[in-house]
Protein backbone atom coordinates (compact mmCIF):
# COMPACT_ATOMS: atom_id res chain seq x y z
CA MET A 1 -48.40 19.51 32.72
CA ASP A 2 -49.81 21.58 35.57
CA PRO A 3 -47.01 23.67 37.06
CA THR A 4 -48.20 22.79 40.56
CA ILE A 5 -47.67 19.13 39.75
CA SER A 6 -44.33 19.73 38.12
CA GLU A 7 -43.09 21.33 41.33
CA THR A 8 -43.30 17.99 43.08
CA ILE A 9 -40.94 16.27 40.64
CA LEU A 10 -37.53 15.70 42.19
CA ASP A 11 -34.46 17.02 40.54
CA CYS A 12 -32.60 13.66 40.33
CA SER A 13 -29.59 15.27 38.77
CA VAL A 14 -28.46 16.56 42.16
CA ILE A 15 -29.31 13.39 44.11
CA PRO A 16 -27.15 10.31 44.13
CA PRO A 17 -28.73 7.58 41.99
CA GLY A 18 -29.11 5.25 44.97
CA ARG A 19 -31.34 7.80 46.76
CA CYS A 20 -33.88 8.34 43.99
CA HIS A 21 -36.14 5.47 45.03
CA GLN A 22 -36.13 6.42 48.73
CA LEU A 23 -36.87 10.10 48.10
CA ALA A 24 -39.63 9.29 45.63
CA SER A 25 -41.29 6.87 48.04
CA ASN A 26 -41.27 9.49 50.82
CA CYS A 27 -42.73 12.21 48.57
CA VAL A 28 -45.82 10.39 47.25
CA SER A 29 -49.18 10.74 48.99
CA PRO A 30 -51.27 7.87 50.36
CA PRO A 31 -53.73 6.17 48.04
CA CYS A 32 -57.38 7.16 47.81
CA GLY A 33 -59.46 6.71 50.93
CA ALA A 34 -56.50 6.66 53.32
CA HIS A 35 -55.71 9.25 55.96
CA PRO A 36 -52.98 11.67 54.94
CA ARG A 37 -49.81 10.97 56.77
CA GLU A 38 -47.68 13.52 58.50
CA PRO A 39 -44.95 15.04 56.35
CA ASP A 40 -41.57 13.44 56.85
CA LEU A 41 -39.47 16.46 57.81
CA SER A 42 -36.47 14.29 58.63
CA LEU A 43 -35.48 14.28 54.99
CA LEU A 44 -35.66 18.08 54.86
CA ARG A 45 -33.48 18.35 57.97
CA ARG A 46 -31.11 15.72 56.55
CA HIS A 47 -30.61 17.75 53.38
CA GLN A 48 -30.17 21.19 55.00
CA GLY A 49 -26.84 21.45 53.22
CA SER A 50 -28.28 20.41 49.86
CA PRO A 51 -28.73 22.85 46.96
CA PRO A 52 -31.72 25.25 47.10
CA THR A 53 -33.55 23.37 44.34
CA LEU A 54 -33.63 20.16 46.37
CA ARG A 55 -34.86 21.91 49.53
CA THR A 56 -37.59 23.71 47.61
CA ASN A 57 -38.82 20.55 45.93
CA LEU A 58 -38.81 18.60 49.19
CA ALA A 59 -40.85 21.32 50.89
CA ALA A 60 -43.29 21.45 48.00
CA ALA A 61 -43.64 17.69 48.03
CA HIS A 62 -44.64 17.72 51.72
CA SER A 63 -47.02 20.66 51.51
CA PRO A 64 -50.69 19.88 52.38
CA GLY A 65 -51.96 20.76 48.92
CA SER A 66 -49.49 18.67 47.01
CA ALA A 67 -51.47 15.47 47.59
CA ALA A 68 -54.70 16.98 46.25
CA ARG A 69 -52.95 18.52 43.27
CA GLY A 70 -50.89 15.43 42.50
CA PHE A 71 -53.74 12.89 42.79
CA ARG A 72 -56.57 14.76 41.16
CA VAL A 73 -57.86 11.59 39.42
CA CYS A 74 -58.05 9.69 42.71
CA ALA A 75 -60.11 12.51 44.28
CA LYS A 76 -62.67 12.32 41.49
CA THR A 77 -63.08 8.57 41.84
CA GLN A 78 -63.22 8.53 45.64
CA GLY A 79 -66.47 7.14 46.94
CA ARG A 80 -67.44 5.16 43.86
CA ARG A 81 -66.16 2.02 42.20
CA PRO A 82 -64.24 2.82 39.05
CA SER A 83 -65.35 1.16 35.85
CA PRO A 84 -63.17 -1.60 34.39
CA SER A 85 -62.17 0.61 31.49
CA ARG A 86 -61.03 3.40 33.83
CA ARG A 87 -59.56 1.31 36.62
CA VAL A 88 -56.80 3.27 38.32
CA SER A 89 -53.74 1.44 39.60
CA PRO A 90 -52.00 2.76 42.68
CA ARG A 91 -48.98 4.81 41.86
CA VAL A 92 -45.80 2.77 42.27
CA PRO A 93 -42.56 4.65 42.69
CA PRO A 94 -40.48 4.18 39.59
CA SER A 95 -37.37 2.07 39.76
CA PRO A 96 -34.19 4.11 40.22
CA LEU A 97 -32.77 2.35 37.16
CA ARG A 98 -35.54 3.70 34.94
CA ALA A 99 -36.08 7.01 36.71
CA SER A 100 -32.51 8.15 36.53
CA PRO A 101 -31.79 9.89 33.21
CA SER A 102 -28.15 8.83 33.55
CA CYS A 103 -29.01 5.09 33.51
CA PRO A 104 -27.03 3.39 30.73
CA ALA A 105 -29.11 2.21 27.80
CA VAL A 106 -27.28 -1.12 27.86
CA LEU A 107 -29.03 -2.06 31.11
CA ARG A 108 -32.43 -1.18 29.60
CA GLY A 109 -31.89 -3.75 26.80
CA GLN A 110 -31.43 -1.15 24.04
CA SER A 111 -28.67 0.37 22.09
CA PRO A 112 -28.27 4.04 23.05
CA ALA A 113 -28.07 5.17 19.47
CA SER A 114 -30.13 2.86 17.28
CA GLY A 115 -32.33 0.91 19.70
CA GLN A 116 -31.13 -2.43 18.35
CA SER A 117 -31.74 -5.73 20.09
CA PRO A 118 -29.30 -7.03 22.74
CA PRO A 119 -27.58 -9.61 20.43
CA SER A 120 -26.34 -6.87 18.11
CA LEU A 121 -25.17 -4.84 21.08
CA LEU A 122 -23.43 -7.92 22.50
CA SER A 123 -21.69 -8.51 19.21
CA ARG A 124 -20.36 -4.95 19.29
CA LYS A 125 -19.17 -5.27 22.85
CA LEU A 126 -17.46 -8.69 22.48
CA PRO A 127 -14.58 -9.13 20.06
CA GLU A 128 -14.94 -11.63 17.26
CA GLU A 129 -12.32 -13.88 18.88
CA VAL A 130 -14.42 -14.17 22.06
CA LEU A 131 -17.58 -14.91 20.08
CA ALA A 132 -15.69 -17.59 18.16
CA LEU A 133 -14.66 -19.26 21.43
CA ILE A 134 -18.33 -19.37 22.44
CA PHE A 135 -19.68 -20.58 19.10
CA ARG A 136 -17.17 -23.37 18.62
CA ASP A 137 -18.89 -25.46 21.34
CA LEU A 138 -22.30 -25.21 19.66
CA PRO A 139 -23.83 -28.06 17.64
CA LEU A 140 -24.01 -27.66 13.89
CA ARG A 141 -27.67 -26.66 13.88
CA ASP A 142 -27.08 -23.93 16.49
CA ARG A 143 -24.13 -22.58 14.54
CA ALA A 144 -26.42 -22.16 11.55
CA ALA A 145 -28.92 -20.31 13.76
CA THR A 146 -26.33 -17.91 15.20
CA SER A 147 -25.10 -17.03 11.72
CA ARG A 148 -28.54 -15.51 10.96
CA VAL A 149 -28.64 -13.13 13.96
CA CYS A 150 -26.54 -10.26 12.64
CA LYS A 151 -23.49 -9.56 10.50
CA ALA A 152 -21.08 -9.64 13.44
CA TRP A 153 -22.32 -13.04 14.56
CA ALA A 154 -22.24 -14.34 11.00
CA ALA A 155 -18.59 -13.26 10.69
CA ALA A 156 -17.72 -14.91 14.00
CA THR A 157 -19.57 -18.11 13.09
CA SER A 158 -17.68 -18.46 9.82
CA SER A 159 -14.23 -17.92 11.36
CA SER A 160 -11.68 -20.71 11.29
CA ALA A 161 -11.48 -20.90 15.11
CA VAL A 162 -15.10 -22.11 15.25
CA TRP A 163 -14.66 -24.89 12.71
CA ARG A 164 -11.17 -26.12 13.47
CA ASP A 165 -12.36 -28.93 15.78
CA THR A 166 -15.92 -29.89 14.89
CA ASN A 167 -18.29 -32.56 16.19
CA ILE A 168 -21.25 -33.30 13.94
CA SER A 169 -24.16 -35.61 14.69
CA CYS A 170 -26.19 -36.36 11.58
CA ASP A 171 -29.66 -36.77 13.04
CA SER A 172 -31.55 -35.28 10.08
CA GLU A 173 -31.09 -34.06 6.52
CA LEU A 174 -27.89 -32.21 5.76
CA GLU A 175 -29.86 -29.26 4.36
CA ASP A 176 -31.30 -28.70 7.84
CA LEU A 177 -27.89 -28.94 9.50
CA LEU A 178 -25.74 -26.88 7.15
CA PRO A 179 -27.21 -24.04 5.04
CA PRO A 180 -25.62 -23.46 1.62
CA TYR A 181 -23.87 -20.26 2.69
CA LEU A 182 -22.00 -22.18 5.44
CA TYR A 183 -20.57 -24.79 3.09
CA ALA A 184 -17.51 -22.58 2.67
CA CYS A 185 -16.78 -23.12 6.38
CA LEU A 186 -15.88 -26.74 5.62
CA ASP A 187 -12.56 -25.39 4.36
CA HIS A 188 -11.66 -24.48 7.95
CA ILE A 189 -12.26 -27.95 9.46
CA HIS A 190 -9.06 -29.61 10.67
CA ASN A 191 -10.47 -32.33 12.95
CA LEU A 192 -13.91 -33.82 12.41
CA ARG A 193 -15.82 -36.27 14.59
CA LEU A 194 -18.86 -37.51 12.70
CA GLU A 195 -21.70 -39.55 14.22
CA TYR A 196 -24.59 -41.09 12.33
CA GLU A 197 -27.14 -43.89 12.58
CA PRO A 198 -26.82 -46.42 9.75
CA SER A 199 -30.36 -47.68 10.22
CA LYS A 200 -31.87 -44.23 9.48
CA LYS A 201 -31.71 -43.21 5.84
CA PRO A 202 -31.71 -39.40 6.42
CA SER A 203 -28.86 -39.68 8.91
CA ARG A 204 -26.86 -41.96 6.65
CA ARG A 205 -27.45 -39.78 3.60
CA ALA A 206 -26.39 -36.67 5.48
CA ALA A 207 -23.16 -38.33 6.64
CA THR A 208 -22.33 -39.49 3.12
CA GLU A 209 -23.01 -36.08 1.59
CA LEU A 210 -20.94 -34.35 4.25
CA LEU A 211 -17.96 -36.66 3.69
CA ARG A 212 -18.14 -36.08 -0.08
CA ALA A 213 -18.37 -32.33 0.51
CA LEU A 214 -15.25 -32.57 2.68
CA ALA A 215 -13.45 -34.43 -0.09
CA ASP A 216 -14.24 -31.53 -2.44
CA ARG A 217 -13.64 -28.59 -0.11
CA ALA A 218 -11.36 -29.60 2.79
CA PRO A 219 -7.84 -30.35 1.56
CA GLY A 220 -6.49 -29.23 4.94
CA LEU A 221 -8.34 -31.91 6.91
CA ARG A 222 -6.06 -33.33 9.63
CA GLY A 223 -8.25 -35.75 11.57
CA LEU A 224 -11.35 -37.83 10.81
CA ARG A 225 -13.23 -39.98 13.31
CA LEU A 226 -16.36 -41.88 12.30
CA GLU A 227 -18.78 -43.40 14.82
CA CYS A 228 -21.98 -45.38 14.31
CA ARG A 229 -24.83 -45.29 16.79
CA GLY A 230 -27.44 -47.98 17.11
CA GLU A 231 -27.69 -51.21 15.18
CA LYS A 232 -26.73 -51.52 11.56
CA PRO A 233 -29.13 -53.23 9.14
CA LEU A 234 -28.49 -56.85 8.24
CA PHE A 235 -26.37 -57.50 5.15
CA ASP A 236 -25.30 -53.86 5.11
CA ALA A 237 -21.80 -53.57 3.68
CA GLY A 238 -21.63 -49.78 4.09
CA GLY A 239 -20.54 -49.19 0.51
CA ASP A 240 -21.74 -45.57 0.46
CA ILE A 241 -19.89 -44.58 3.62
CA LEU A 242 -16.71 -46.47 2.73
CA SER A 243 -16.59 -44.95 -0.76
CA ALA A 244 -16.93 -41.49 0.80
CA VAL A 245 -14.04 -42.30 3.16
CA HIS A 246 -11.99 -43.39 0.13
CA ALA A 247 -12.70 -40.02 -1.49
CA VAL A 248 -11.59 -38.16 1.64
CA CYS A 249 -8.34 -40.15 1.83
CA GLY A 250 -7.61 -39.34 -1.81
CA ALA A 251 -8.29 -35.60 -1.43
CA ALA A 252 -6.73 -34.84 1.99
CA PRO A 253 -2.94 -35.15 1.74
CA GLN A 254 -2.53 -33.51 5.16
CA LEU A 255 -4.66 -36.13 6.94
CA ARG A 256 -2.85 -37.31 10.05
CA HIS A 257 -5.45 -39.20 12.09
CA LEU A 258 -8.01 -41.67 10.74
CA HIS A 259 -10.15 -43.44 13.33
CA LEU A 260 -12.52 -46.15 12.01
CA ARG A 261 -12.87 -48.31 15.14
CA ARG A 262 -16.59 -47.58 15.47
CA LEU A 263 -17.52 -48.56 11.91
CA PRO A 264 -19.30 -51.93 11.84
CA TYR A 265 -18.36 -52.66 8.23
CA THR A 266 -15.73 -55.00 6.86
CA LEU A 267 -12.60 -53.06 5.92
CA ASP A 268 -10.42 -54.25 3.06
CA ASP A 269 -7.15 -53.64 1.27
CA THR A 270 -8.64 -50.95 -0.97
CA LEU A 271 -9.04 -48.52 1.90
CA VAL A 272 -5.58 -49.26 3.33
CA LEU A 273 -3.87 -48.78 -0.04
CA GLN A 274 -5.82 -45.57 -0.68
CA ALA A 275 -4.64 -44.22 2.68
CA ALA A 276 -1.05 -45.23 1.83
CA ARG A 277 -1.16 -43.38 -1.50
CA GLY A 278 -3.10 -40.28 -0.48
CA CYS A 279 -2.12 -39.71 3.16
CA PRO A 280 1.67 -39.93 3.58
CA GLU A 281 1.53 -37.75 6.73
CA LEU A 282 -0.51 -40.22 8.74
CA ARG A 283 0.29 -40.32 12.44
CA SER A 284 -2.44 -42.70 13.62
CA LEU A 285 -4.68 -45.21 11.86
CA PHE A 286 -7.18 -47.45 13.65
CA LEU A 287 -8.77 -50.27 11.65
CA ASP A 288 -9.49 -52.63 14.58
CA ASN A 289 -13.26 -52.36 14.32
CA HIS A 290 -15.93 -54.81 15.46
CA ALA A 291 -16.53 -56.48 12.11
CA LEU A 292 -16.92 -60.23 11.98
CA VAL A 293 -14.61 -60.54 8.99
CA ASN A 294 -11.17 -59.07 8.42
CA ASN A 295 -10.09 -58.48 4.82
CA VAL A 296 -6.95 -56.42 5.45
CA GLN A 297 -4.00 -58.52 4.35
CA PRO A 298 -0.49 -58.23 5.88
CA SER A 299 0.92 -57.16 2.49
CA SER A 300 -1.29 -54.04 2.48
CA VAL A 301 -0.10 -53.16 5.98
CA LEU A 302 3.52 -53.41 4.80
CA LYS A 303 2.83 -50.96 1.98
CA LEU A 304 1.14 -48.62 4.43
CA LEU A 305 4.14 -48.67 6.79
CA GLU A 306 6.51 -48.00 3.92
CA ALA A 307 4.45 -45.06 2.64
CA CYS A 308 3.82 -43.50 6.08
CA PRO A 309 7.15 -43.24 7.95
CA HIS A 310 5.68 -40.93 10.63
CA LEU A 311 3.02 -43.40 11.79
CA ARG A 312 3.02 -43.59 15.61
CA ALA A 313 -0.21 -45.44 16.43
CA LEU A 314 -1.76 -48.35 14.58
CA GLY A 315 -4.85 -50.44 15.26
CA LEU A 316 -5.28 -53.76 13.44
CA HIS A 317 -6.77 -57.19 13.68
CA LEU A 318 -4.16 -59.71 14.71
CA ALA A 319 -4.38 -61.49 11.34
CA SER A 320 -3.22 -58.31 9.55
CA LEU A 321 0.07 -58.18 11.47
CA SER A 322 3.14 -60.10 10.33
CA PRO A 323 6.74 -60.52 11.53
CA LYS A 324 7.90 -58.33 8.62
CA ALA A 325 5.67 -55.54 9.87
CA LEU A 326 7.32 -55.71 13.29
CA GLU A 327 10.74 -55.56 11.64
CA LEU A 328 9.70 -52.55 9.59
CA LEU A 329 8.41 -50.78 12.68
CA ALA A 330 11.77 -51.38 14.37
CA ALA A 331 13.72 -49.82 11.48
CA PRO A 332 16.16 -47.07 12.57
CA HIS A 333 14.74 -44.43 10.22
CA ARG A 334 11.19 -44.57 11.61
CA ALA A 335 9.68 -42.07 14.02
CA PRO A 336 9.08 -43.22 17.60
CA PHE A 337 6.22 -45.71 17.66
CA ALA A 338 3.93 -45.40 20.69
CA LEU A 339 0.81 -47.58 20.38
CA LEU A 340 -0.12 -50.87 18.73
CA ALA A 341 -3.73 -51.94 19.25
CA LEU A 342 -4.51 -55.57 18.35
CA ARG A 343 -7.97 -57.09 18.29
CA CYS A 344 -8.62 -60.83 18.16
CA ALA A 345 -12.27 -61.37 17.33
CA CYS A 346 -12.73 -63.10 13.97
CA PRO A 347 -11.81 -66.58 12.72
CA GLU A 348 -8.84 -65.17 10.79
CA ASP A 349 -7.37 -63.90 14.04
CA ALA A 350 -7.75 -67.30 15.68
CA ARG A 351 -5.77 -68.86 12.82
CA ALA A 352 -3.07 -66.16 12.74
CA SER A 353 0.53 -67.30 12.80
CA LEU A 354 2.66 -66.86 15.91
CA LEU A 355 4.73 -63.68 16.08
CA PRO A 356 8.25 -64.55 17.31
CA ASP A 357 9.43 -63.27 20.68
CA GLU A 358 12.65 -62.01 19.06
CA ALA A 359 10.69 -59.60 16.86
CA TRP A 360 8.81 -58.26 19.87
CA ALA A 361 12.02 -57.87 21.85
CA THR A 362 13.67 -55.96 18.99
CA LEU A 363 10.65 -53.68 18.62
CA ARG A 364 10.53 -53.01 22.34
CA CYS A 365 14.25 -52.20 22.40
CA ARG A 366 13.84 -49.78 19.48
CA HIS A 367 10.80 -48.08 21.05
CA PRO A 368 11.06 -48.26 24.87
CA GLY A 369 7.80 -46.39 25.32
CA LEU A 370 5.76 -48.79 23.18
CA GLU A 371 2.36 -49.82 24.58
CA VAL A 372 0.25 -52.68 23.24
CA GLU A 373 -3.52 -52.88 23.61
CA LEU A 374 -4.77 -56.47 23.39
CA GLU A 375 -8.46 -57.33 23.09
CA LEU A 376 -9.52 -60.98 23.12
CA GLU A 377 -13.07 -61.89 22.06
CA PRO A 378 -15.13 -65.09 22.44
CA ALA A 379 -14.16 -66.31 18.95
CA LEU A 380 -10.77 -67.42 20.32
CA SER A 381 -10.32 -70.89 21.70
CA ASP A 382 -8.20 -71.62 24.77
CA GLU A 383 -5.37 -72.79 22.52
CA ALA A 384 -5.49 -69.61 20.46
CA VAL A 385 -5.47 -67.48 23.63
CA THR A 386 -2.35 -69.30 24.85
CA ARG A 387 -0.67 -68.61 21.52
CA VAL A 388 -1.60 -64.92 21.47
CA LEU A 389 -0.45 -64.16 25.02
CA GLN A 390 3.32 -63.91 24.80
CA PRO A 391 5.64 -62.79 27.62
CA ALA A 392 7.68 -60.52 25.34
CA VAL A 393 4.70 -58.35 24.34
CA PRO A 394 4.58 -55.07 26.35
CA VAL A 395 0.85 -55.23 27.09
CA ALA A 396 -0.47 -52.05 28.70
CA VAL A 397 -4.20 -52.63 28.15
CA LEU A 398 -5.74 -56.11 28.32
CA ARG A 399 -9.44 -56.72 27.65
CA LEU A 400 -10.68 -60.25 28.21
CA ASN A 401 -14.11 -61.22 26.94
CA LEU A 402 -13.65 -64.94 26.51
CA SER A 403 -16.11 -67.79 26.29
CA GLY A 404 -13.67 -70.26 27.80
CA ASP A 405 -11.13 -70.04 30.58
CA THR A 406 -10.52 -66.54 31.94
CA VAL A 407 -8.64 -67.35 35.13
CA GLY A 408 -5.55 -68.54 33.25
CA PRO A 409 -5.12 -65.34 31.16
CA VAL A 410 -5.61 -63.19 34.30
CA ARG A 411 -2.86 -65.08 36.13
CA PHE A 412 -0.63 -64.93 33.05
CA ALA A 413 -1.06 -61.13 33.00
CA ALA A 414 -0.16 -60.93 36.70
CA CYS A 415 3.03 -62.91 36.12
CA HIS A 416 4.33 -61.48 32.82
CA TYR A 417 2.75 -58.02 32.43
CA ALA A 418 3.28 -56.74 35.97
CA GLU A 419 5.61 -53.92 34.87
CA THR A 420 3.63 -52.72 31.85
CA LEU A 421 -0.04 -53.39 32.62
CA ARG A 422 -2.06 -50.20 33.17
CA THR A 423 -5.66 -51.27 32.42
CA LEU A 424 -7.36 -54.64 32.92
CA GLU A 425 -10.92 -55.36 31.83
CA VAL A 426 -12.51 -58.74 32.57
CA ARG A 427 -15.93 -60.02 31.49
CA ALA A 428 -16.52 -63.43 33.01
CA SER A 429 -18.62 -65.30 35.54
CA ALA A 430 -17.81 -64.88 39.21
CA SER A 431 -15.84 -67.66 40.85
CA THR A 432 -13.46 -68.18 43.72
CA GLU A 433 -10.57 -68.87 41.32
CA LEU A 434 -11.22 -65.59 39.47
CA HIS A 435 -11.27 -63.64 42.73
CA THR A 436 -7.95 -65.17 43.75
CA ALA A 437 -6.43 -64.32 40.37
CA LEU A 438 -7.61 -60.72 40.66
CA GLU A 439 -6.05 -60.41 44.10
CA GLU A 440 -2.81 -61.69 42.59
CA VAL A 441 -3.00 -58.95 39.93
CA ALA A 442 -3.47 -56.34 42.67
CA ALA A 443 -0.43 -57.66 44.54
CA ARG A 444 1.93 -57.69 41.54
CA CYS A 445 0.76 -54.86 39.24
CA ALA A 446 1.55 -51.80 41.35
CA GLY A 447 1.33 -49.48 38.32
CA LEU A 448 -2.26 -50.44 37.51
CA ARG A 449 -4.49 -47.43 36.88
CA GLU A 450 -7.81 -49.01 35.90
CA ILE A 451 -9.47 -52.30 36.79
CA HIS A 452 -12.93 -53.17 35.47
CA CYS A 453 -14.49 -56.53 36.33
CA PHE A 454 -18.04 -57.00 35.12
CA CYS A 455 -19.08 -59.59 37.67
CA VAL A 456 -19.75 -59.46 41.39
CA VAL A 457 -16.55 -59.79 43.42
CA ARG A 458 -15.91 -60.47 47.08
CA PRO A 459 -14.90 -57.58 49.38
CA SER A 460 -11.28 -58.77 49.67
CA VAL A 461 -10.78 -58.10 45.94
CA LEU A 462 -11.85 -54.47 46.31
CA ASP A 463 -9.70 -54.02 49.42
CA ALA A 464 -6.66 -55.50 47.65
CA PHE A 465 -6.80 -53.05 44.74
CA ARG A 466 -7.41 -50.08 47.00
CA ALA A 467 -4.52 -50.93 49.29
CA GLN A 468 -1.88 -52.21 46.84
CA CYS A 469 -2.41 -50.06 43.71
CA PRO A 470 -1.51 -46.48 44.65
CA ARG A 471 -1.93 -45.20 41.06
CA LEU A 472 -5.45 -46.53 40.66
CA ARG A 473 -7.70 -43.90 39.05
CA SER A 474 -10.97 -45.76 38.39
CA TYR A 475 -12.39 -49.20 39.03
CA THR A 476 -15.54 -51.25 38.45
CA LEU A 477 -15.70 -53.75 41.30
CA LYS A 478 -19.26 -54.39 42.46
CA LEU A 479 -19.99 -56.23 45.69
CA LYS A 480 -23.62 -56.87 44.71
CA ARG A 481 -25.67 -56.90 41.56
CA GLU A 482 -26.72 -53.54 40.16
CA PRO A 483 -28.74 -52.49 37.13
CA HIS A 484 -26.73 -52.19 33.95
CA PRO A 485 -24.81 -50.32 32.70
CA TRP A 486 -22.30 -50.43 35.53
CA ARG A 487 -20.57 -47.12 36.08
CA PRO A 488 -16.91 -46.99 37.15
CA THR A 489 -15.89 -45.46 40.44
CA LEU A 490 -13.37 -42.62 40.25
CA VAL A 491 -10.56 -42.51 42.79
CA ARG A 492 -9.86 -39.02 44.09
């Protein structure tokens, strides 16, 4: 470099980093063809107390010859149009971040030593525990992608904190979701929520293979929740999925939570007995799915209750429950029982025998905090509904989706479940009698937290629940028709 040009370079080591850009902009000369501006001597006066090097460089930068020496290329091209290959861009003062030699390499997107990419630098700056907290919220496909970035990310991706609580949606082949080298991470899964579409063969195959892989590699599995999306094919018994669930129940002795509510297949005694033999630590089991047939017999439920003394939540069809089961649940040696979910939707439920009030009273005395969820579907006749609704049952959640009379069950709930009712869901046609019954519920059930009525109601119904239910958290009470699905309103 020409020494005359090098004299105009500022010594940034003696200038604060924030001043580099301002000093550089004041020291450059005007572009070609412009009149030279007067030297800015205010900077020189401002830095009278600065070191000699700074004063010398400032003076050299404002000397008349510095512009000609510093912009020699512009002088040659003045007066003629430069060719496209030799087009000269006006000099732009460099950014202080890049001009300062003390700028950290991290801010320039490089590693100071090796020039690696930012992900590797990020992995060195963040502990593995922090990376694991970030990666655990990623879908399965993204976890596989992060494991290929670098060794630090691969170690964080395969840690147990990432896989402890896992949600998997099988929307393609399992080979695309889970590479072979991540199969060992299945050992770390404690709670799994698995979604799949039974009508799509790749999704169904991936879910089946994953469940069988869990049966082989995940003896520490604590929770399993299966959910189906979309419509299932006609005459589909779900034998592949159910056999995989059987295998998981036989290979996971630490399983505590099994949730099969969202499976559209008919469940039978084989699954219940397999869970009784292989999962003695069960805490919750939900078999009250939306199948049209119920093949779980009361005798299998009795064996399950005997084999699982720590069971605290149970979901069944009404036909699978018997008076002996209520007596067994009220036994002194059992753990506190908290939730009993009963679904009445199939013909077997409509023909179920009456459970005596004495058994319910004994169970409620043994477990004061017991809550019962009761769901009544259109398959029940008015006579069956009258038999199912019993005053001694501590109903906390009542869902009414009846084809017959709905006003009577709503009034029955207002009279007999006023102390225990927390959620009421009604699907019926709008009528004056229904509106009056709902206002009666609002007047008597002060502890109600949710009310969802999927028909248009009159304004007095909405005003009654707002004024007389101080614990109300959400409601679906529409004053006019709206497009479906209807969204609940949250109470703040």
